[in-house]
Amino acid sequence: MSSAVVSSHFGPKETSLDWNTQVRADHVMTAVQWINEPLNNLLKGLNPRDQSEVDHILSDVTTQEECPVPADRL
């Protein structure tokens, strides 16, 4: 059996992967908030089989100037 240890005098460095992970986490949190709050209220009581109505409502919301989700996150 053998093992190797590599030591470093430098701490961990932030990489673009770390940044992408944070960005992804931010986007996921935005999506969860959007689903739990406005989207839930918009779709409550609709027939889930009526896809055209759901599509119409979502289309109206995402084209409004005051859309609760920033355009870059749609």
PDB file of N, CA and C in Angstrom:
ATOM      1  N   MET A   1       0.845  -1.162   0.000  1.00  0.00           N
ATOM      2  CA  MET A   1       0.000   0.000   0.000  1.00  0.00           C
ATOM      3  C   MET A   1       0.893   1.228   0.000  1.00  0.00           C
ATOM      4  N   SER A   2       0.452   2.218  -0.752  1.00  0.00           N
ATOM      5  CA  SER A   2       1.199   3.473  -0.760  1.00  0.00           C
ATOM      6  C   SER A   2       0.223   4.635  -0.681  1.00  0.00           C
ATOM      7  N   SER A   3       0.733   5.737  -0.226  1.00  0.00           N
ATOM      8  CA  SER A   3      -0.105   6.944  -0.183  1.00  0.00           C
ATOM      9  C   SER A   3       0.789   8.140  -0.430  1.00  0.00           C
ATOM     10  N   ALA A   4       0.176   9.221  -0.852  1.00  0.00           N
ATOM     11  CA  ALA A   4       0.936  10.444  -1.113  1.00  0.00           C
ATOM     12  C   ALA A   4       0.187  11.622  -0.525  1.00  0.00           C
ATOM     13  N   VAL A   5       0.935  12.573  -0.057  1.00  0.00           N
ATOM     14  CA  VAL A   5       0.361  13.793   0.486  1.00  0.00           C
ATOM     15  C   VAL A   5       1.034  14.957  -0.211  1.00  0.00           C
ATOM     16  N   VAL A   6       0.230  15.882  -0.679  1.00  0.00           N
ATOM     17  CA  VAL A   6       0.778  17.072  -1.319  1.00  0.00           C
ATOM     18  C   VAL A   6       0.427  18.247  -0.424  1.00  0.00           C
ATOM     19  N   SER A   7       1.432  18.945   0.020  1.00  0.00           N
ATOM     20  CA  SER A   7       1.164  20.101   0.862  1.00  0.00           C
ATOM     21  C   SER A   7       1.262  21.375   0.040  1.00  0.00           C
ATOM     22  N   SER A   8       0.622  22.377   0.535  1.00  0.00           N
ATOM     23  CA  SER A   8       0.656  23.664  -0.162  1.00  0.00           C
ATOM     24  C   SER A   8       0.675  24.765   0.881  1.00  0.00           C
ATOM     25  N   HIS A   9       1.406  25.798   0.562  1.00  0.00           N
ATOM     26  CA  HIS A   9       1.447  26.952   1.448  1.00  0.00           C
ATOM     27  C   HIS A   9       0.365  27.959   1.089  1.00  0.00           C
ATOM     28  N   PHE A  10      -0.363  27.661   0.067  1.00  0.00           N
ATOM     29  CA  PHE A  10      -1.410  28.568  -0.394  1.00  0.00           C
ATOM     30  C   PHE A  10      -2.765  28.004  -0.007  1.00  0.00           C
ATOM     31  N   GLY A  11      -3.682  28.895   0.353  1.00  0.00           N
ATOM     32  CA  GLY A  11      -5.042  28.468   0.661  1.00  0.00           C
ATOM     33  C   GLY A  11      -5.799  28.179  -0.622  1.00  0.00           C
ATOM     34  N   PRO A  12      -7.006  27.719  -0.479  1.00  0.00           N
ATOM     35  CA  PRO A  12      -7.797  27.439  -1.678  1.00  0.00           C
ATOM     36  C   PRO A  12      -8.068  28.729  -2.436  1.00  0.00           C
ATOM     37  N   LYS A  13      -7.994  28.646  -3.738  1.00  0.00           N
ATOM     38  CA  LYS A  13      -8.266  29.840  -4.526  1.00  0.00           C
ATOM     39  C   LYS A  13      -9.650  29.743  -5.130  1.00  0.00           C
ATOM     40  N   GLU A  14     -10.263  30.873  -5.311  1.00  0.00           N
ATOM     41  CA  GLU A  14     -11.585  30.908  -5.911  1.00  0.00           C
ATOM     42  C   GLU A  14     -11.431  30.708  -7.409  1.00  0.00           C
ATOM     43  N   THR A  15     -12.198  29.818  -7.946  1.00  0.00           N
ATOM     44  CA  THR A  15     -12.144  29.544  -9.373  1.00  0.00           C
ATOM     45  C   THR A  15     -13.444  29.973 -10.021  1.00  0.00           C
ATOM     46  N   SER A  16     -13.452  29.944 -11.345  1.00  0.00           N
ATOM     47  CA  SER A  16     -14.691  30.273 -12.038  1.00  0.00           C
ATOM     48  C   SER A  16     -15.760  29.252 -11.702  1.00  0.00           C
ATOM     49  N   LEU A  17     -15.374  28.025 -11.369  1.00  0.00           N
ATOM     50  CA  LEU A  17     -16.340  27.014 -10.970  1.00  0.00           C
ATOM     51  C   LEU A  17     -17.055  27.442  -9.699  1.00  0.00           C
ATOM     52  N   ASP A  18     -16.318  28.011  -8.730  1.00  0.00           N
ATOM     53  CA  ASP A  18     -16.933  28.511  -7.506  1.00  0.00           C
ATOM     54  C   ASP A  18     -17.931  29.620  -7.821  1.00  0.00           C
ATOM     55  N   TRP A  19     -17.558  30.509  -8.729  1.00  0.00           N
ATOM     56  CA  TRP A  19     -18.439  31.612  -9.110  1.00  0.00           C
ATOM     57  C   TRP A  19     -19.691  31.056  -9.786  1.00  0.00           C
ATOM     58  N   ASN A  20     -19.514  30.103 -10.705  1.00  0.00           N
ATOM     59  CA  ASN A  20     -20.658  29.509 -11.395  1.00  0.00           C
ATOM     60  C   ASN A  20     -21.579  28.787 -10.426  1.00  0.00           C
ATOM     61  N   THR A  21     -21.016  28.167  -9.418  1.00  0.00           N
ATOM     62  CA  THR A  21     -21.823  27.490  -8.412  1.00  0.00           C
ATOM     63  C   THR A  21     -22.670  28.497  -7.654  1.00  0.00           C
ATOM     64  N   GLN A  22     -22.099  29.637  -7.301  1.00  0.00           N
ATOM     65  CA  GLN A  22     -22.855  30.670  -6.593  1.00  0.00           C
ATOM     66  C   GLN A  22     -23.940  31.258  -7.488  1.00  0.00           C
ATOM     67  N   VAL A  23     -23.613  31.510  -8.736  1.00  0.00           N
ATOM     68  CA  VAL A  23     -24.604  32.049  -9.672  1.00  0.00           C
ATOM     69  C   VAL A  23     -25.751  31.064  -9.819  1.00  0.00           C
ATOM     70  N   ARG A  24     -25.419  29.795  -9.973  1.00  0.00           N
ATOM     71  CA  ARG A  24     -26.465  28.765 -10.106  1.00  0.00           C
ATOM     72  C   ARG A  24     -27.332  28.730  -8.847  1.00  0.00           C
ATOM     73  N   ALA A  25     -26.721  28.801  -7.683  1.00  0.00           N
ATOM     74  CA  ALA A  25     -27.471  28.793  -6.427  1.00  0.00           C
ATOM     75  C   ALA A  25     -28.408  29.994  -6.356  1.00  0.00           C
ATOM     76  N   ASP A  26     -27.946  31.156  -6.792  1.00  0.00           N
ATOM     77  CA  ASP A  26     -28.791  32.357  -6.813  1.00  0.00           C
ATOM     78  C   ASP A  26     -29.980  32.162  -7.749  1.00  0.00           C
ATOM     79  N   HIS A  27     -29.740  31.570  -8.911  1.00  0.00           N
ATOM     80  CA  HIS A  27     -30.816  31.344  -9.878  1.00  0.00           C
ATOM     81  C   HIS A  27     -31.824  30.328  -9.346  1.00  0.00           C
ATOM     82  N   VAL A  28     -31.325  29.301  -8.686  1.00  0.00           N
ATOM     83  CA  VAL A  28     -32.227  28.300  -8.111  1.00  0.00           C
ATOM     84  C   VAL A  28     -33.088  28.938  -7.031  1.00  0.00           C
ATOM     85  N   MET A  29     -32.500  29.771  -6.200  1.00  0.00           N
ATOM     86  CA  MET A  29     -33.264  30.435  -5.144  1.00  0.00           C
ATOM     87  C   MET A  29     -34.333  31.345  -5.735  1.00  0.00           C
ATOM     88  N   THR A  30     -34.003  32.070  -6.799  1.00  0.00           N
ATOM     89  CA  THR A  30     -34.981  32.919  -7.472  1.00  0.00           C
ATOM     90  C   THR A  30     -36.129  32.072  -8.014  1.00  0.00           C
ATOM     91  N   ALA A  31     -35.804  30.941  -8.625  1.00  0.00           N
ATOM     92  CA  ALA A  31     -36.836  30.061  -9.178  1.00  0.00           C
ATOM     93  C   ALA A  31     -37.744  29.519  -8.078  1.00  0.00           C
ATOM     94  N   VAL A  32     -37.164  29.120  -6.960  1.00  0.00           N
ATOM     95  CA  VAL A  32     -37.962  28.590  -5.854  1.00  0.00           C
ATOM     96  C   VAL A  32     -38.897  29.665  -5.313  1.00  0.00           C
ATOM     97  N   GLN A  33     -38.401  30.889  -5.154  1.00  0.00           N
ATOM     98  CA  GLN A  33     -39.250  31.979  -4.672  1.00  0.00           C
ATOM     99  C   GLN A  33     -40.379  32.258  -5.660  1.00  0.00           C
ATOM    100  N   TRP A  34     -40.061  32.244  -6.943  1.00  0.00           N
ATOM    101  CA  TRP A  34     -41.051  32.488  -7.998  1.00  0.00           C
ATOM    102  C   TRP A  34     -42.132  31.401  -7.976  1.00  0.00           C
ATOM    103  N   ILE A  35     -41.725  30.139  -7.803  1.00  0.00           N
ATOM    104  CA  ILE A  35     -42.684  29.037  -7.778  1.00  0.00           C
ATOM    105  C   ILE A  35     -43.546  29.096  -6.523  1.00  0.00           C
ATOM    106  N   ASN A  36     -42.941  29.362  -5.380  1.00  0.00           N
ATOM    107  CA  ASN A  36     -43.666  29.351  -4.117  1.00  0.00           C
ATOM    108  C   ASN A  36     -44.616  30.529  -3.948  1.00  0.00           C
ATOM    109  N   GLU A  37     -44.337  31.640  -4.586  1.00  0.00           N
ATOM    110  CA  GLU A  37     -45.164  32.819  -4.356  1.00  0.00           C
ATOM    111  C   GLU A  37     -46.043  33.158  -5.558  1.00  0.00           C
ATOM    112  N   PRO A  38     -45.597  33.971  -6.507  1.00  0.00           N
ATOM    113  CA  PRO A  38     -46.509  34.429  -7.559  1.00  0.00           C
ATOM    114  C   PRO A  38     -47.009  33.314  -8.479  1.00  0.00           C
ATOM    115  N   LEU A  39     -46.172  32.384  -8.852  1.00  0.00           N
ATOM    116  CA  LEU A  39     -46.607  31.330  -9.763  1.00  0.00           C
ATOM    117  C   LEU A  39     -47.663  30.452  -9.102  1.00  0.00           C
ATOM    118  N   ASN A  40     -47.481  30.126  -7.859  1.00  0.00           N
ATOM    119  CA  ASN A  40     -48.439  29.332  -7.113  1.00  0.00           C
ATOM    120  C   ASN A  40     -49.803  30.031  -7.090  1.00  0.00           C
ATOM    121  N   ASN A  41     -49.788  31.326  -6.817  1.00  0.00           N
ATOM    122  CA  ASN A  41     -51.047  32.078  -6.771  1.00  0.00           C
ATOM    123  C   ASN A  41     -51.709  32.170  -8.142  1.00  0.00           C
ATOM    124  N   LEU A  42     -50.919  32.331  -9.191  1.00  0.00           N
ATOM    125  CA  LEU A  42     -51.466  32.427 -10.541  1.00  0.00           C
ATOM    126  C   LEU A  42     -52.139  31.143 -10.993  1.00  0.00           C
ATOM    127  N   LEU A  43     -51.571  30.024 -10.639  1.00  0.00           N
ATOM    128  CA  LEU A  43     -52.053  28.744 -11.156  1.00  0.00           C
ATOM    129  C   LEU A  43     -53.025  28.024 -10.228  1.00  0.00           C
ATOM    130  N   LYS A  44     -53.201  28.552  -9.025  1.00  0.00           N
ATOM    131  CA  LYS A  44     -54.088  27.914  -8.057  1.00  0.00           C
ATOM    132  C   LYS A  44     -55.518  27.880  -8.612  1.00  0.00           C
ATOM    133  N   GLY A  45     -56.135  26.721  -8.544  1.00  0.00           N
ATOM    134  CA  GLY A  45     -57.514  26.566  -8.977  1.00  0.00           C
ATOM    135  C   GLY A  45     -57.682  26.240 -10.456  1.00  0.00           C
ATOM    136  N   LEU A  46     -56.601  26.289 -11.229  1.00  0.00           N
ATOM    137  CA  LEU A  46     -56.710  25.953 -12.646  1.00  0.00           C
ATOM    138  C   LEU A  46     -56.744  24.442 -12.831  1.00  0.00           C
ATOM    139  N   ASN A  47     -57.366  24.025 -13.917  1.00  0.00           N
ATOM    140  CA  ASN A  47     -57.372  22.613 -14.275  1.00  0.00           C
ATOM    141  C   ASN A  47     -55.991  22.284 -14.846  1.00  0.00           C
ATOM    142  N   PRO A  48     -55.253  21.378 -14.211  1.00  0.00           N
ATOM    143  CA  PRO A  48     -53.908  21.071 -14.695  1.00  0.00           C
ATOM    144  C   PRO A  48     -53.891  20.439 -16.087  1.00  0.00           C
ATOM    145  N   ARG A  49     -55.037  19.963 -16.543  1.00  0.00           N
ATOM    146  CA  ARG A  49     -55.114  19.376 -17.890  1.00  0.00           C
ATOM    147  C   ARG A  49     -55.303  20.432 -18.969  1.00  0.00           C
ATOM    148  N   ASP A  50     -55.609  21.661 -18.547  1.00  0.00           N
ATOM    149  CA  ASP A  50     -55.836  22.738 -19.512  1.00  0.00           C
ATOM    150  C   ASP A  50     -54.518  23.476 -19.783  1.00  0.00           C
ATOM    151  N   GLN A  51     -53.643  22.822 -20.528  1.00  0.00           N
ATOM    152  CA  GLN A  51     -52.314  23.365 -20.787  1.00  0.00           C
ATOM    153  C   GLN A  51     -52.366  24.693 -21.519  1.00  0.00           C
ATOM    154  N   SER A  52     -53.344  24.868 -22.403  1.00  0.00           N
ATOM    155  CA  SER A  52     -53.417  26.130 -23.156  1.00  0.00           C
ATOM    156  C   SER A  52     -53.706  27.309 -22.229  1.00  0.00           C
ATOM    157  N   GLU A  53     -54.529  27.111 -21.210  1.00  0.00           N
ATOM    158  CA  GLU A  53     -54.803  28.185 -20.240  1.00  0.00           C
ATOM    159  C   GLU A  53     -53.561  28.499 -19.417  1.00  0.00           C
ATOM    160  N   VAL A  54     -52.865  27.466 -18.979  1.00  0.00           N
ATOM    161  CA  VAL A  54     -51.625  27.660 -18.222  1.00  0.00           C
ATOM    162  C   VAL A  54     -50.615  28.414 -19.088  1.00  0.00           C
ATOM    163  N   ASP A  55     -50.457  27.986 -20.345  1.00  0.00           N
ATOM    164  CA  ASP A  55     -49.522  28.655 -21.259  1.00  0.00           C
ATOM    165  C   ASP A  55     -49.899  30.114 -21.460  1.00  0.00           C
ATOM    166  N   HIS A  56     -51.196  30.375 -21.600  1.00  0.00           N
ATOM    167  CA  HIS A  56     -51.665  31.750 -21.810  1.00  0.00           C
ATOM    168  C   HIS A  56     -51.325  32.625 -20.598  1.00  0.00           C
ATOM    169  N   ILE A  57     -51.599  32.125 -19.420  1.00  0.00           N
ATOM    170  CA  ILE A  57     -51.310  32.887 -18.195  1.00  0.00           C
ATOM    171  C   ILE A  57     -49.810  33.142 -18.066  1.00  0.00           C
ATOM    172  N   LEU A  58     -49.001  32.107 -18.274  1.00  0.00           N
ATOM    173  CA  LEU A  58     -47.553  32.274 -18.154  1.00  0.00           C
ATOM    174  C   LEU A  58     -47.002  33.207 -19.224  1.00  0.00           C
ATOM    175  N   SER A  59     -47.568  33.149 -20.415  1.00  0.00           N
ATOM    176  CA  SER A  59     -47.140  34.048 -21.488  1.00  0.00           C
ATOM    177  C   SER A  59     -47.447  35.495 -21.126  1.00  0.00           C
ATOM    178  N   ASP A  60     -48.635  35.725 -20.585  1.00  0.00           N
ATOM    179  CA  ASP A  60     -49.004  37.085 -20.172  1.00  0.00           C
ATOM    180  C   ASP A  60     -48.067  37.613 -19.095  1.00  0.00           C
ATOM    181  N   VAL A  61     -47.747  36.780 -18.127  1.00  0.00           N
ATOM    182  CA  VAL A  61     -46.897  37.206 -17.011  1.00  0.00           C
ATOM    183  C   VAL A  61     -45.485  37.512 -17.480  1.00  0.00           C
ATOM    184  N   THR A  62     -44.932  36.669 -18.322  1.00  0.00           N
ATOM    185  CA  THR A  62     -43.535  36.851 -18.722  1.00  0.00           C
ATOM    186  C   THR A  62     -43.346  37.962 -19.738  1.00  0.00           C
ATOM    187  N   THR A  63     -44.423  38.469 -20.322  1.00  0.00           N
ATOM    188  CA  THR A  63     -44.292  39.572 -21.271  1.00  0.00           C
ATOM    189  C   THR A  63     -44.641  40.915 -20.639  1.00  0.00           C
ATOM    190  N   GLN A  64     -45.102  40.914 -19.399  1.00  0.00           N
ATOM    191  CA  GLN A  64     -45.415  42.166 -18.711  1.00  0.00           C
ATOM    192  C   GLN A  64     -44.136  42.906 -18.360  1.00  0.00           C
ATOM    193  N   GLU A  65     -44.242  44.217 -18.332  1.00  0.00           N
ATOM    194  CA  GLU A  65     -43.077  45.025 -17.954  1.00  0.00           C
ATOM    195  C   GLU A  65     -42.689  44.794 -16.505  1.00  0.00           C
ATOM    196  N   GLU A  66     -43.650  44.484 -15.651  1.00  0.00           N
ATOM    197  CA  GLU A  66     -43.365  44.290 -14.239  1.00  0.00           C
ATOM    198  C   GLU A  66     -43.321  42.813 -13.882  1.00  0.00           C
ATOM    199  N   CYS A  67     -42.792  42.018 -14.752  1.00  0.00           N
ATOM    200  CA  CYS A  67     -42.672  40.586 -14.502  1.00  0.00           C
ATOM    201  C   CYS A  67     -41.865  40.379 -13.229  1.00  0.00           C
ATOM    202  N   PRO A  68     -42.345  39.503 -12.318  1.00  0.00           N
ATOM    203  CA  PRO A  68     -41.632  39.300 -11.054  1.00  0.00           C
ATOM    204  C   PRO A  68     -40.295  38.595 -11.196  1.00  0.00           C
ATOM    205  N   VAL A  69     -40.033  38.036 -12.353  1.00  0.00           N
ATOM    206  CA  VAL A  69     -38.759  37.372 -12.594  1.00  0.00           C
ATOM    207  C   VAL A  69     -37.951  38.209 -13.583  1.00  0.00           C
ATOM    208  N   PRO A  70     -36.723  38.565 -13.247  1.00  0.00           N
ATOM    209  CA  PRO A  70     -35.906  39.335 -14.182  1.00  0.00           C
ATOM    210  C   PRO A  70     -35.780  38.618 -15.527  1.00  0.00           C
ATOM    211  N   ALA A  71     -35.809  39.375 -16.610  1.00  0.00           N
ATOM    212  CA  ALA A  71     -35.798  38.791 -17.955  1.00  0.00           C
ATOM    213  C   ALA A  71     -34.619  37.853 -18.177  1.00  0.00           C
ATOM    214  N   ASP A  72     -33.479  38.140 -17.564  1.00  0.00           N
ATOM    215  CA  ASP A  72     -32.320  37.277 -17.780  1.00  0.00           C
ATOM    216  C   ASP A  72     -32.435  35.950 -17.033  1.00  0.00           C
ATOM    217  N   ARG A  73     -33.468  35.799 -16.217  1.00  0.00           N
ATOM    218  CA  ARG A  73     -33.652  34.554 -15.478  1.00  0.00           C
ATOM    219  C   ARG A  73     -34.853  33.769 -15.956  1.00  0.00           C
ATOM    220  N   LEU A  74     -35.503  34.208 -17.018  1.00  0.00           N
ATOM    221  CA  LEU A  74     -36.640  33.462 -17.564  1.00  0.00           C
ATOM    222  C   LEU A  74     -36.153  32.311 -18.385  1.00  0.00           C
TER     223      LEU A  74
END
